[in-house]
C-alpha atoms as a PDB file:
ATOM      1  CA  MET A   1      24.795  15.332   2.351  1.00  0.00           C
ATOM      2  CA  THR A   2      22.573  15.344  -0.724  1.00  0.00           C
ATOM      3  CA  ALA A   3      18.965  16.375  -0.657  1.00  0.00           C
ATOM      4  CA  PRO A   4      17.974  12.618  -0.198  1.00  0.00           C
ATOM      5  CA  GLY A   5      20.236  12.387   2.904  1.00  0.00           C
ATOM      6  CA  VAL A   6      19.021  15.567   4.596  1.00  0.00           C
ATOM      7  CA  ASP A   7      15.416  13.966   4.165  1.00  0.00           C
ATOM      8  CA  SER A   8      16.635  10.470   5.572  1.00  0.00           C
ATOM      9  CA  TRP A   9      18.206  12.745   8.494  1.00  0.00           C
ATOM     10  CA  TYR A  10      15.069  14.680   9.221  1.00  0.00           C
ATOM     11  CA  HIS A  11      12.715  11.686   9.102  1.00  0.00           C
ATOM     12  CA  GLU A  12      14.791   9.784  11.641  1.00  0.00           C
ATOM     13  CA  LYS A  13      14.946  12.905  13.887  1.00  0.00           C
ATOM     14  CA  GLU A  14      10.982  13.201  13.555  1.00  0.00           C
ATOM     15  CA  SER A  15      10.621   9.485  14.115  1.00  0.00           C
ATOM     16  CA  ALA A  16      12.596   9.854  17.276  1.00  0.00           C
ATOM     17  CA  TRP A  17      10.799  12.916  18.298  1.00  0.00           C
ATOM     18  CA  LEU A  18       7.193  11.200  17.541  1.00  0.00           C
ATOM     19  CA  TYR A  19       8.427   7.781  19.510  1.00  0.00           C
ATOM     20  CA  ARG A  20       9.235   9.794  22.435  1.00  0.00           C
ATOM     21  CA  ARG A  21       5.655  11.317  22.195  1.00  0.00           C
ATOM     22  CA  VAL A  22       4.080   7.657  21.900  1.00  0.00           C
ATOM     23  CA  ALA A  23       6.065   6.523  24.780  1.00  0.00           C
ATOM     24  CA  ALA A  24       4.766   9.541  27.036  1.00  0.00           C
ATOM     25  CA  ALA A  25       1.211   8.553  26.227  1.00  0.00           C
ATOM     26  CA  GLU A  26       1.614   4.937  26.475  1.00  0.00           C
ATOM     27  CA  PRO A  27       0.177   3.312  29.560  1.00  0.00           C
ATOM     28  CA  ASP A  28       1.657   0.008  29.128  1.00  0.00           C
ATOM     29  CA  PRO A  29       5.370  -0.183  30.653  1.00  0.00           C
ATOM     30  CA  ASP A  30       6.282  -2.750  28.012  1.00  0.00           C
ATOM     31  CA  LYS A  31       5.074  -1.099  25.248  1.00  0.00           C
ATOM     32  CA  ARG A  32       6.386   2.526  26.240  1.00  0.00           C
ATOM     33  CA  ARG A  33       9.800   0.787  26.467  1.00  0.00           C
ATOM     34  CA  LEU A  34       9.553  -0.481  22.874  1.00  0.00           C
ATOM     35  CA  PHE A  35       8.904   3.033  21.888  1.00  0.00           C
ATOM     36  CA  GLU A  36      11.686   4.693  23.832  1.00  0.00           C
ATOM     37  CA  GLN A  37      14.195   1.793  22.182  1.00  0.00           C
ATOM     38  CA  LEU A  38      12.734   2.707  18.778  1.00  0.00           C
ATOM     39  CA  ALA A  39      13.661   6.339  19.704  1.00  0.00           C
ATOM     40  CA  ALA A  40      16.976   5.730  20.592  1.00  0.00           C
ATOM     41  CA  ALA A  41      17.247   3.559  17.287  1.00  0.00           C
ATOM     42  CA  ALA A  42      16.143   6.438  15.021  1.00  0.00           C
ATOM     43  CA  GLU A  43      18.125   9.032  16.746  1.00  0.00           C
ATOM     44  CA  GLU A  44      21.242   6.313  16.125  1.00  0.00           C
ATOM     45  CA  GLN A  45      20.333   6.350  12.466  1.00  0.00           C
ATOM     46  CA  ALA A  46      20.138  10.263  12.282  1.00  0.00           C
ATOM     47  CA  ARG A  47      24.046  10.448  13.621  1.00  0.00           C
ATOM     48  CA  ARG A  48      24.948   8.157  11.125  1.00  0.00           C
ATOM     49  CA  TRP A  49      23.425  10.604   8.343  1.00  0.00           C
ATOM     50  CA  GLU A  50      25.341  13.377  10.137  1.00  0.00           C
ATOM     51  CA  GLN A  51      28.399  11.165   9.730  1.00  0.00           C
ATOM     52  CA  VAL A  52      28.010  10.654   6.199  1.00  0.00           C
ATOM     53  CA  ALA A  53      27.560  14.672   5.542  1.00  0.00           C
ATOM     54  CA  ALA A  54      30.948  15.074   7.790  1.00  0.00           C
ATOM     55  CA  ARG A  55      32.787  12.603   5.609  1.00  0.00           C
ATOM     56  CA  SER A  56      31.544  14.101   2.189  1.00  0.00           C
ATOM     57  CA  PRO A  57      31.696  17.813   2.442  1.00  0.00           C
ATOM     58  CA  THR A  58      32.208  17.707  -1.555  1.00  0.00           C
ATOM     59  CA  ALA A  59      30.611  20.562  -3.371  1.00  0.00           C
ATOM     60  CA  GLY A  60      26.706  20.319  -3.906  1.00  0.00           C
ATOM     61  CA  CYS A  61      26.250  18.562  -0.664  1.00  0.00           C
ATOM     62  CA  ALA A  62      24.157  19.882   2.366  1.00  0.00           C
ATOM     63  CA  ALA A  63      24.643  19.101   5.947  1.00  0.00           C
ATOM     64  CA  PRO A  64      21.295  18.670   7.990  1.00  0.00           C
ATOM     65  CA  PRO A  65      20.102  21.673   9.903  1.00  0.00           C
ATOM     66  CA  ARG A  66      21.917  22.294  13.219  1.00  0.00           C
ATOM     67  CA  VAL A  67      18.431  22.190  15.114  1.00  0.00           C
ATOM     68  CA  PHE A  68      15.595  19.908  14.341  1.00  0.00           C
ATOM     69  CA  THR A  69      12.148  21.250  14.009  1.00  0.00           C
ATOM     70  CA  PRO A  70       9.169  19.168  13.730  1.00  0.00           C
ATOM     71  CA  ALA A  71       6.775  19.729  11.013  1.00  0.00           C
ATOM     72  CA  THR A  72       3.641  20.796  11.650  1.00  0.00           C
ATOM     73  CA  ARG A  73       1.933  17.502  10.897  1.00  0.00           C
ATOM     74  CA  ALA A  74       3.992  16.097  13.313  1.00  0.00           C
ATOM     75  CA  ARG A  75       3.038  18.521  16.192  1.00  0.00           C
ATOM     76  CA  ILE A  76      -0.682  17.919  15.593  1.00  0.00           C
ATOM     77  CA  VAL A  77      -0.043  14.398  15.890  1.00  0.00           C
ATOM     78  CA  ALA A  78       1.814  15.027  19.218  1.00  0.00           C
ATOM     79  CA  ARG A  79      -0.806  17.240  20.694  1.00  0.00           C
ATOM     80  CA  LEU A  80      -3.371  14.444  19.633  1.00  0.00           C
ATOM     81  CA  LEU A  81      -1.473  11.932  21.799  1.00  0.00           C
ATOM     82  CA  ARG A  82      -1.929  14.006  24.908  1.00  0.00           C
ATOM     83  CA  HIS A  83      -5.813  13.442  24.554  1.00  0.00           C
ATOM     84  CA  PHE A  84      -5.679   9.864  22.820  1.00  0.00           C
ATOM     85  CA  GLU A  85      -3.916   6.639  23.548  1.00  0.00           C
ATOM     86  CA  PRO A  86      -1.704   5.537  20.978  1.00  0.00           C
ATOM     87  CA  ARG A  87      -3.689   2.478  20.147  1.00  0.00           C
ATOM     88  CA  ALA A  88      -6.620   4.859  19.213  1.00  0.00           C
ATOM     89  CA  MET A  89      -3.892   6.746  17.168  1.00  0.00           C
ATOM     90  CA  ARG A  90      -2.610   3.685  15.248  1.00  0.00           C
ATOM     91  CA  ALA A  91      -3.969   4.609  11.905  1.00  0.00           C
ATOM     92  CA  VAL A  92      -2.176   8.206  12.148  1.00  0.00           C
ATOM     93  CA  LEU A  93       0.876   6.771  13.453  1.00  0.00           C
ATOM     94  CA  ALA A  94       1.098   4.521  10.561  1.00  0.00           C
ATOM     95  CA  ALA A  95       0.698   7.077   8.314  1.00  0.00           C
ATOM     96  CA  MET A  96       3.781   8.863   9.818  1.00  0.00           C
ATOM     97  CA  LYS A  97       5.788   5.695   9.333  1.00  0.00           C
ATOM     98  CA  LEU A  98       6.079   5.011  12.874  1.00  0.00           C
ATOM     99  CA  ARG A  99       7.265   1.358  13.497  1.00  0.00           C
ATOM    100  CA  GLY A 100       6.282  -1.018  16.258  1.00  0.00           C
ATOM    101  CA  LEU A 101       2.456  -0.803  16.073  1.00  0.00           C
ATOM    102  CA  SER A 102       1.767  -4.151  15.574  1.00  0.00           C
ATOM    103  CA  VAL A 103       2.061  -4.462  19.330  1.00  0.00           C
ATOM    104  CA  TYR A 104      -1.617  -3.030  19.522  1.00  0.00           C
ATOM    105  CA  SER A 105      -2.684  -5.903  17.176  1.00  0.00           C
ATOM    106  CA  ALA A 106      -1.900  -8.784  19.642  1.00  0.00           C
ATOM    107  CA  PRO A 107      -1.637  -9.065  23.558  1.00  0.00           C
ATOM    108  CA  ALA A 108       1.684  -7.628  24.748  1.00  0.00           C
ATOM    109  CA  THR A 109       2.666 -11.234  26.318  1.00  0.00           C
ATOM    110  CA  ALA A 110       2.316 -14.724  24.572  1.00  0.00           C
ATOM    111  CA  LEU A 111      -1.192 -16.246  25.243  1.00  0.00           C
ATOM    112  CA  ALA A 112      -2.209 -19.722  24.936  1.00  0.00           C
ATOM    113  CA  GLY A 113      -3.667 -20.751  21.587  1.00  0.00           C
ATOM    114  CA  HIS A 114      -1.677 -17.727  19.698  1.00  0.00           C
ATOM    115  CA  PRO A 115       2.106 -17.876  20.802  1.00  0.00           C
ATOM    116  CA  MET A 116       4.333 -15.688  19.346  1.00  0.00           C
ATOM    117  CA  PRO A 117       6.919 -16.961  16.592  1.00  0.00           C
ATOM    118  CA  THR A 118      10.113 -18.587  18.127  1.00  0.00           C
ATOM    119  CA  SER A 119      11.724 -19.816  14.693  1.00  0.00           C
ATOM    120  CA  LEU A 120      11.923 -18.331  11.479  1.00  0.00           C
ATOM    121  CA  ALA A 121       9.383 -20.850   9.863  1.00  0.00           C
ATOM    122  CA  GLU A 122       6.722 -19.667  12.142  1.00  0.00           C
ATOM    123  CA  VAL A 123       6.842 -16.170  11.213  1.00  0.00           C
ATOM    124  CA  GLY A 124       4.173 -14.977   8.995  1.00  0.00           C
ATOM    125  CA  ALA A 125       2.646 -18.366   9.516  1.00  0.00           C
ATOM    126  CA  ARG A 126      -0.596 -17.065  11.114  1.00  0.00           C
ATOM    127  CA  HIS A 127      -1.256 -14.083   8.652  1.00  0.00           C
ATOM    128  CA  ARG A 128      -3.619 -15.859   6.319  1.00  0.00           C
ATOM    129  CA  SER A 129      -6.316 -14.153   4.214  1.00  0.00           C
ATOM    130  CA  THR A 130      -9.571 -15.560   4.365  1.00  0.00           C
ATOM    131  CA  LEU A 131     -13.131 -14.769   2.810  1.00  0.00           C
ATOM    132  CA  GLY A 132     -14.473 -13.647   5.837  1.00  0.00           C
ATOM    133  CA  GLY A 133     -13.623 -10.162   5.367  1.00  0.00           C
ATOM    134  CA  THR A 134     -15.159  -9.863   2.043  1.00  0.00           C
ATOM    135  CA  LEU A 135     -18.119 -11.648   2.932  1.00  0.00           C
ATOM    136  CA  ARG A 136     -18.581  -9.478   6.134  1.00  0.00           C
ATOM    137  CA  ALA A 137     -18.623  -6.331   3.982  1.00  0.00           C
ATOM    138  CA  SER A 138     -21.298  -7.495   1.413  1.00  0.00           C
ATOM    139  CA  VAL A 139     -23.495  -8.427   4.201  1.00  0.00           C
ATOM    140  CA  PHE A 140     -23.055  -5.052   5.460  1.00  0.00           C
ATOM    141  CA  GLY A 141     -23.599  -3.530   1.994  1.00  0.00           C
ATOM    142  CA  VAL A 142     -26.683  -5.393   1.539  1.00  0.00           C
ATOM    143  CA  ASN A 143     -28.070  -4.124   4.937  1.00  0.00           C
ATOM    144  CA  ASP A 144     -27.303  -0.448   4.123  1.00  0.00           C
ATOM    145  CA  GLY A 145     -29.125  -0.413   0.960  1.00  0.00           C
ATOM    146  CA  LEU A 146     -32.138  -2.524   2.518  1.00  0.00           C
ATOM    147  CA  ILE A 147     -32.451   0.200   5.315  1.00  0.00           C
ATOM    148  CA  SER A 148     -31.793   3.312   3.668  1.00  0.00           C
ATOM    149  CA  ASN A 149     -33.820   2.760   0.586  1.00  0.00           C
ATOM    150  CA  MET A 150     -36.820   1.428   2.647  1.00  0.00           C
ATOM    151  CA  SER A 151     -36.624   4.618   4.811  1.00  0.00           C
ATOM    152  CA  LEU A 152     -36.509   6.722   1.735  1.00  0.00           C
ATOM    153  CA  VAL A 153     -39.701   4.653   0.433  1.00  0.00           C
ATOM    154  CA  LEU A 154     -41.522   5.096   3.651  1.00  0.00           C
ATOM    155  CA  GLY A 155     -40.831   8.931   3.968  1.00  0.00           C
ATOM    156  CA  VAL A 156     -42.347   9.548   0.425  1.00  0.00           C
ATOM    157  CA  THR A 157     -45.022   7.285   0.715  1.00  0.00           C
ATOM    158  CA  GLY A 158     -45.694   9.026   4.040  1.00  0.00           C
ATOM    159  CA  ALA A 159     -45.878  12.274   2.291  1.00  0.00           C
ATOM    160  CA  GLY A 160     -48.820  10.964   0.300  1.00  0.00           C
ATOM    161  CA  ALA A 161     -46.772  10.353  -2.811  1.00  0.00           C
ATOM    162  CA  ALA A 162     -48.490   7.990  -5.679  1.00  0.00           C
ATOM    163  CA  SER A 163     -46.744   4.549  -6.668  1.00  0.00           C
ATOM    164  CA  GLY A 164     -44.911   6.402  -9.521  1.00  0.00           C
ATOM    165  CA  TYR A 165     -43.461   8.879  -7.685  1.00  0.00           C
ATOM    166  CA  VAL A 166     -42.307   6.251  -4.989  1.00  0.00           C
ATOM    167  CA  LEU A 167     -40.641   4.384  -7.667  1.00  0.00           C
ATOM    168  CA  THR A 168     -38.773   7.244  -8.993  1.00  0.00           C
ATOM    169  CA  ALA A 169     -37.402   8.353  -5.684  1.00  0.00           C
ATOM    170  CA  GLY A 170     -36.459   4.855  -4.885  1.00  0.00           C
ATOM    171  CA  ALA A 171     -34.615   4.328  -7.917  1.00  0.00           C
ATOM    172  CA  ALA A 172     -33.113   7.362  -7.584  1.00  0.00           C
ATOM    173  CA  GLY A 173     -31.786   6.540  -4.050  1.00  0.00           C
ATOM    174  CA  LEU A 174     -30.567   3.349  -5.102  1.00  0.00           C
ATOM    175  CA  LEU A 175     -28.661   4.666  -7.732  1.00  0.00           C
ATOM    176  CA  ALA A 176     -27.161   7.371  -5.607  1.00  0.00           C
ATOM    177  CA  GLY A 177     -26.681   5.617  -2.398  1.00  0.00           C
ATOM    178  CA  ALA A 178     -24.844   2.824  -4.516  1.00  0.00           C
ATOM    179  CA  LEU A 179     -22.531   5.090  -6.350  1.00  0.00           C
ATOM    180  CA  SER A 180     -21.724   7.133  -2.917  1.00  0.00           C
ATOM    181  CA  MET A 181     -20.790   3.831  -1.522  1.00  0.00           C
ATOM    182  CA  ALA A 182     -18.663   2.710  -4.472  1.00  0.00           C
ATOM    183  CA  ALA A 183     -16.936   5.941  -4.628  1.00  0.00           C
ATOM    184  CA  GLY A 184     -16.279   6.024  -0.641  1.00  0.00           C
ATOM    185  CA  GLU A 185     -14.908   2.424  -0.939  1.00  0.00           C
ATOM    186  CA  TYR A 186     -12.658   3.014  -3.914  1.00  0.00           C
ATOM    187  CA  VAL A 187     -11.206   6.157  -2.207  1.00  0.00           C
ATOM    188  CA  SER A 188     -10.772   4.409   0.964  1.00  0.00           C
ATOM    189  CA  VAL A 189      -9.051   1.485  -0.577  1.00  0.00           C
ATOM    190  CA  ARG A 190      -6.953   3.577  -3.116  1.00  0.00           C
ATOM    191  CA  SER A 191      -5.921   5.764  -0.185  1.00  0.00           C
ATOM    192  CA  GLN A 192      -4.722   2.522   1.974  1.00  0.00           C
ATOM    193  CA  ARG A 193      -2.627   1.037  -0.958  1.00  0.00           C
ATOM    194  CA  GLU A 194      -1.022   4.663  -1.773  1.00  0.00           C
ATOM    195  CA  MET A 195      -0.036   4.648   1.906  1.00  0.00           C
ATOM    196  CA  TYR A 196       1.207   1.241   1.874  1.00  0.00           C
ATOM    197  CA  GLU A 197       3.146   1.419  -1.423  1.00  0.00           C
ATOM    198  CA  TYR A 198       5.030   4.578  -0.132  1.00  0.00           C
ATOM    199  CA  GLN A 199       5.603   3.126   3.345  1.00  0.00           C
ATOM    200  CA  MET A 200       6.865  -0.032   1.661  1.00  0.00           C
ATOM    201  CA  ALA A 201       9.201   1.643  -0.805  1.00  0.00           C
ATOM    202  CA  LEU A 202      10.842   3.382   2.320  1.00  0.00           C
ATOM    203  CA  GLU A 203      11.177   0.410   4.268  1.00  0.00           C
ATOM    204  CA  ARG A 204      12.740  -1.469   1.241  1.00  0.00           C
ATOM    205  CA  GLU A 205      15.424   1.226   1.090  1.00  0.00           C
ATOM    206  CA  GLU A 206      16.064   1.284   4.851  1.00  0.00           C
ATOM    207  CA  LEU A 207      16.569  -2.425   4.688  1.00  0.00           C
ATOM    208  CA  ALA A 208      19.045  -2.416   1.675  1.00  0.00           C
ATOM    209  CA  GLU A 209      20.944   0.458   3.566  1.00  0.00           C
ATOM    210  CA  TYR A 210      21.077  -0.988   7.010  1.00  0.00           C
ATOM    211  CA  PRO A 211      19.768  -4.629   7.549  1.00  0.00           C
ATOM    212  CA  GLN A 212      21.128  -4.833  11.099  1.00  0.00           C
ATOM    213  CA  GLU A 213      19.284  -1.984  12.528  1.00  0.00           C
ATOM    214  CA  GLU A 214      16.126  -3.093  10.713  1.00  0.00           C
ATOM    215  CA  ALA A 215      16.860  -6.635  12.337  1.00  0.00           C
ATOM    216  CA  GLU A 216      17.419  -5.131  15.990  1.00  0.00           C
ATOM    217  CA  GLU A 217      14.167  -3.148  15.532  1.00  0.00           C
ATOM    218  CA  LEU A 218      12.398  -6.149  14.580  1.00  0.00           C
ATOM    219  CA  ALA A 219      13.802  -7.793  17.701  1.00  0.00           C
ATOM    220  CA  LEU A 220      12.662  -4.936  19.853  1.00  0.00           C
ATOM    221  CA  ILE A 221       9.274  -5.481  18.804  1.00  0.00           C
ATOM    222  CA  TYR A 222       8.946  -9.404  19.312  1.00  0.00           C
ATOM    223  CA  GLN A 223      10.592  -8.942  22.750  1.00  0.00           C
ATOM    224  CA  ALA A 224       7.598  -6.332  23.594  1.00  0.00           C
ATOM    225  CA  ARG A 225       5.124  -9.151  22.478  1.00  0.00           C
ATOM    226  CA  GLY A 226       6.622 -11.743  24.765  1.00  0.00           C
ATOM    227  CA  VAL A 227       9.975 -13.367  23.336  1.00  0.00           C
ATOM    228  CA  ASP A 228      12.920 -13.554  24.692  1.00  0.00           C
ATOM    229  CA  LEU A 229      15.426 -10.934  23.332  1.00  0.00           C
ATOM    230  CA  ALA A 230      18.313 -13.291  22.377  1.00  0.00           C
ATOM    231  CA  GLN A 231      15.750 -15.606  20.677  1.00  0.00           C
ATOM    232  CA  ALA A 232      14.211 -12.714  19.101  1.00  0.00           C
ATOM    233  CA  ARG A 233      17.316 -11.552  17.497  1.00  0.00           C
ATOM    234  CA  GLU A 234      18.011 -15.047  16.133  1.00  0.00           C
ATOM    235  CA  VAL A 235      14.659 -15.054  14.509  1.00  0.00           C
ATOM    236  CA  SER A 236      14.966 -11.484  12.999  1.00  0.00           C
ATOM    237  CA  ARG A 237      18.465 -11.768  11.726  1.00  0.00           C
ATOM    238  CA  ALA A 238      17.750 -15.066   9.993  1.00  0.00           C
ATOM    239  CA  LEU A 239      14.736 -13.651   8.676  1.00  0.00           C
ATOM    240  CA  LEU A 240      16.520 -10.581   7.174  1.00  0.00           C
ATOM    241  CA  ALA A 241      18.682 -12.744   5.359  1.00  0.00           C
ATOM    242  CA  ARG A 242      15.534 -13.432   3.066  1.00  0.00           C
ATOM    243  CA  PRO A 243      14.816  -9.797   1.718  1.00  0.00           C
ATOM    244  CA  ALA A 244      11.642 -10.811  -0.041  1.00  0.00           C
ATOM    245  CA  GLN A 245       9.932 -12.373   3.011  1.00  0.00           C
ATOM    246  CA  ALA A 246      11.708  -9.958   5.345  1.00  0.00           C
ATOM    247  CA  LEU A 247       9.815  -6.918   3.397  1.00  0.00           C
ATOM    248  CA  ASP A 248       6.460  -8.613   4.104  1.00  0.00           C
ATOM    249  CA  VAL A 249       7.141  -9.404   7.760  1.00  0.00           C
ATOM    250  CA  LEU A 250       8.756  -5.773   8.259  1.00  0.00           C
ATOM    251  CA  ALA A 251       5.595  -4.330   6.806  1.00  0.00           C
ATOM    252  CA  ARG A 252       3.301  -6.601   9.325  1.00  0.00           C
ATOM    253  CA  GLU A 253       5.223  -6.333  12.523  1.00  0.00           C
ATOM    254  CA  GLU A 254       7.011  -2.968  12.140  1.00  0.00           C
ATOM    255  CA  LEU A 255       4.280  -0.699  10.376  1.00  0.00           C
ATOM    256  CA  GLY A 256       1.452  -2.696  11.340  1.00  0.00           C
ATOM    257  CA  LEU A 257       0.301  -3.161   7.519  1.00  0.00           C
ATOM    258  CA  ASN A 258      -1.015  -6.201   6.205  1.00  0.00           C
ATOM    259  CA  PRO A 259      -0.777  -6.702   2.286  1.00  0.00           C
ATOM    260  CA  ASP A 260      -3.241  -9.386   2.316  1.00  0.00           C
ATOM    261  CA  ASP A 261      -6.165  -6.638   3.543  1.00  0.00           C
ATOM    262  CA  LEU A 262      -5.456  -4.515   0.484  1.00  0.00           C
ATOM    263  CA  GLY A 263      -7.706  -5.553  -2.170  1.00  0.00           C
ATOM    264  CA  SER A 264      -8.178  -3.991  -5.413  1.00  0.00           C
ATOM    265  CA  PRO A 265      -9.845  -0.557  -5.518  1.00  0.00           C
ATOM    266  CA  TRP A 266     -12.060  -1.117  -8.515  1.00  0.00           C
ATOM    267  CA  ARG A 267     -13.057  -4.653  -7.221  1.00  0.00           C
ATOM    268  CA  ALA A 268     -14.193  -2.976  -3.767  1.00  0.00           C
ATOM    269  CA  ALA A 269     -16.032  -0.199  -5.292  1.00  0.00           C
ATOM    270  CA  LEU A 270     -17.986  -2.719  -7.756  1.00  0.00           C
ATOM    271  CA  SER A 271     -18.636  -5.031  -4.764  1.00  0.00           C
ATOM    272  CA  SER A 272     -19.975  -2.111  -2.768  1.00  0.00           C
ATOM    273  CA  PHE A 273     -22.158  -0.880  -5.859  1.00  0.00           C
ATOM    274  CA  VAL A 274     -23.521  -4.438  -6.021  1.00  0.00           C
ATOM    275  CA  THR A 275     -24.179  -5.311  -2.556  1.00  0.00           C
ATOM    276  CA  PHE A 276     -25.736  -1.846  -1.676  1.00  0.00           C
ATOM    277  CA  ALA A 277     -28.005  -2.010  -5.023  1.00  0.00           C
ATOM    278  CA  ALA A 278     -29.011  -5.579  -4.303  1.00  0.00           C
ATOM    279  CA  GLY A 279     -30.305  -4.353  -0.785  1.00  0.00           C
ATOM    280  CA  ALA A 280     -31.958  -0.949  -2.129  1.00  0.00           C
ATOM    281  CA  ALA A 281     -33.763  -2.880  -4.820  1.00  0.00           C
ATOM    282  CA  VAL A 282     -35.923  -5.237  -2.232  1.00  0.00           C
ATOM    283  CA  PRO A 283     -38.203  -2.345  -1.300  1.00  0.00           C
ATOM    284  CA  LEU A 284     -38.976  -1.364  -4.847  1.00  0.00           C
ATOM    285  CA  LEU A 285     -39.889  -4.541  -6.130  1.00  0.00           C
ATOM    286  CA  PRO A 286     -43.507  -4.370  -5.108  1.00  0.00           C
ATOM    287  CA  PHE A 287     -43.824  -1.122  -6.682  1.00  0.00           C
ATOM    288  CA  LEU A 288     -43.067  -2.680  -9.785  1.00  0.00           C
ATOM    289  CA  LEU A 289     -45.888  -5.373  -9.751  1.00  0.00           C
ATOM    290  CA  HIS A 290     -48.461  -3.373  -7.551  1.00  0.00           C
ATOM    291  CA  GLN A 291     -50.050   0.260  -8.815  1.00  0.00           C
ATOM    292  CA  GLN A 292     -51.883   1.014  -5.858  1.00  0.00           C
ATOM    293  CA  ALA A 293     -49.132   2.703  -3.152  1.00  0.00           C
ATOM    294  CA  ALA A 294     -51.024   1.274  -0.244  1.00  0.00           C
ATOM    295  CA  ARG A 295     -50.778  -2.337  -1.286  1.00  0.00           C
ATOM    296  CA  ALA A 296     -47.048  -1.883  -2.516  1.00  0.00           C
ATOM    297  CA  ILE A 297     -45.698  -0.271   0.531  1.00  0.00           C
ATOM    298  CA  VAL A 298     -47.264  -3.007   2.740  1.00  0.00           C
ATOM    299  CA  ALA A 299     -45.731  -5.865   0.458  1.00  0.00           C
ATOM    300  CA  ALA A 300     -42.358  -3.733   0.501  1.00  0.00           C
ATOM    301  CA  ALA A 301     -42.318  -3.490   4.393  1.00  0.00           C
ATOM    302  CA  LEU A 302     -42.839  -7.276   4.804  1.00  0.00           C
ATOM    303  CA  LEU A 303     -40.436  -8.385   1.947  1.00  0.00           C
ATOM    304  CA  THR A 304     -37.774  -5.839   3.733  1.00  0.00           C
ATOM    305  CA  ALA A 305     -38.623  -7.174   7.090  1.00  0.00           C
ATOM    306  CA  VAL A 306     -38.208 -10.947   5.828  1.00  0.00           C
ATOM    307  CA  ALA A 307     -34.793  -9.674   4.037  1.00  0.00           C
ATOM    308  CA  LEU A 308     -33.759  -7.673   7.354  1.00  0.00           C
ATOM    309  CA  PHE A 309     -34.428 -10.920   9.252  1.00  0.00           C
ATOM    310  CA  THR A 310     -31.998 -12.925   6.994  1.00  0.00           C
ATOM    311  CA  VAL A 311     -29.142 -10.385   7.382  1.00  0.00           C
ATOM    312  CA  GLY A 312     -29.453 -10.419  11.022  1.00  0.00           C
ATOM    313  CA  LEU A 313     -28.943 -14.140  11.039  1.00  0.00           C
ATOM    314  CA  GLY A 314     -26.176 -13.695   8.623  1.00  0.00           C
ATOM    315  CA  LEU A 315     -24.486 -11.179  10.933  1.00  0.00           C
ATOM    316  CA  SER A 316     -24.473 -13.731  13.662  1.00  0.00           C
ATOM    317  CA  LEU A 317     -21.849 -15.767  11.769  1.00  0.00           C
ATOM    318  CA  PHE A 318     -19.524 -13.132  12.352  1.00  0.00           C
ATOM    319  CA  THR A 319     -20.328 -11.646  15.854  1.00  0.00           C
ATOM    320  CA  GLY A 320     -21.083 -15.376  17.456  1.00  0.00           C
ATOM    321  CA  ARG A 321     -24.177 -14.348  19.001  1.00  0.00           C
ATOM    322  CA  GLN A 322     -27.451 -16.160  19.131  1.00  0.00           C
ATOM    323  CA  ALA A 323     -28.777 -16.091  15.549  1.00  0.00           C
ATOM    324  CA  LEU A 324     -32.469 -15.268  16.466  1.00  0.00           C
ATOM    325  CA  ARG A 325     -31.358 -12.520  18.616  1.00  0.00           C
ATOM    326  CA  SER A 326     -28.888 -11.145  15.970  1.00  0.00           C
ATOM    327  CA  ALA A 327     -32.148 -11.374  13.513  1.00  0.00           C
ATOM    328  CA  LEU A 328     -34.737  -9.654  15.532  1.00  0.00           C
ATOM    329  CA  ARG A 329     -32.326  -7.088  16.765  1.00  0.00           C
ATOM    330  CA  MET A 330     -31.789  -6.011  13.163  1.00  0.00           C
ATOM    331  CA  LEU A 331     -35.537  -6.183  12.250  1.00  0.00           C
ATOM    332  CA  LEU A 332     -36.105  -3.872  15.304  1.00  0.00           C
ATOM    333  CA  ILE A 333     -33.482  -1.285  14.084  1.00  0.00           C
ATOM    334  CA  GLY A 334     -34.698  -1.226  10.379  1.00  0.00           C
ATOM    335  CA  GLY A 335     -38.243  -1.036  11.535  1.00  0.00           C
ATOM    336  CA  ALA A 336     -37.466   1.972  13.966  1.00  0.00           C
ATOM    337  CA  ALA A 337     -35.501   3.677  11.043  1.00  0.00           C
ATOM    338  CA  GLY A 338     -38.454   3.012   8.464  1.00  0.00           C
ATOM    339  CA  LEU A 339     -41.375   4.192  10.972  1.00  0.00           C
ATOM    340  CA  VAL A 340     -39.319   7.020  11.725  1.00  0.00           C
ATOM    341  CA  SER A 341     -39.058   8.006   8.388  1.00  0.00           C
ATOM    342  CA  PHE A 342     -42.704   7.658   7.579  1.00  0.00           C
ATOM    343  CA  LEU A 343     -43.625   9.905  10.306  1.00  0.00           C
ATOM    344  CA  VAL A 344     -41.446  12.503   9.147  1.00  0.00           C
ATOM    345  CA  GLY A 345     -42.758  12.145   5.694  1.00  0.00           C
ATOM    346  CA  ARG A 346     -46.130  12.100   6.603  1.00  0.00           C
ATOM    347  CA  ALA A 347     -45.596  15.658   8.748  1.00  0.00           C
ATOM    348  CA  LEU A 348     -43.991  17.193   5.558  1.00  0.00           C
ATOM    349  CA  GLY A 349     -46.569  16.007   3.644  1.00  0.00           C
ATOM    350  CA  VAL A 350     -49.222  17.707   5.837  1.00  0.00           C
ATOM    351  CA  VAL A 351     -47.109  21.271   6.503  1.00  0.00           C
ATOM    352  CA  THR A 352     -46.534  21.040   2.451  1.00  0.00           C
ATOM    353  CA  GLY A 353     -50.384  20.194   1.758  1.00  0.00           C
END
């Protein structure tokens, strides 16, 4: 067996080992049965790699080790599963390339209004990308900029700084916060994309090497989510006859990954920078127009309060809560943060003289 063959054998053995740990930690019997079946499927794949090694004892080929020993990373994940349910560990399990995680994104049984697919035409039909996630992120970016920079401005003002110093500190806070948000968003999206690309490459190889086994694993996932096994097998086998579509669905259903959720890292970073900066600029506007710090800070507080109220109204679109209640809650949270910052600044100003 070549080195890649040993790697494949080890991956299947480690997956089977982890599936059993997930099954042991899973309180739902249907999901537990799914992961036990996936463990058995992974063991079967490992046995196939052992048979390949036995049939090809040529020079330069290596057989897998006689005893499987899980890697340190897998042992850490298994230890975490003793304290946290698999649903809470979904992101970590996805990074370990475990399948069946999509059962945590939908009810275990079919529900009215959101039934499981029962034909090939329905597979993936309900996964549609919308602007909701981007818009929601933009609203939160503006909100973060508003609260953080208004708190900074109030803290510096409370310490007794002149208008020019407040404006300088606020501008520095705007730039530092926007750059930090952009850098964090870039790293986050880039890491998600790299994980997706890596796991998709492995999935593509497995789909080419043993499509029937992939179809069976997908059928087991659909069964755990409420579809009759015979019908699930029919749908999954028909699906895998179309490799391009099959790869997309396998990513969603086996790996719990949605390629529509993976945006451009640069676009995400730019969006975070712009939205945070837009919110952080609001408290600074009065300081550009008023030289007197006292008048400027009152105007900044009022302007920020109006902006927070508006942001609260916008957030109600995503929470479904009453708009006025959402707006007042946002105003209260921002006001409390600003008041604490002002009092801390005032205390530091007194101490430092």
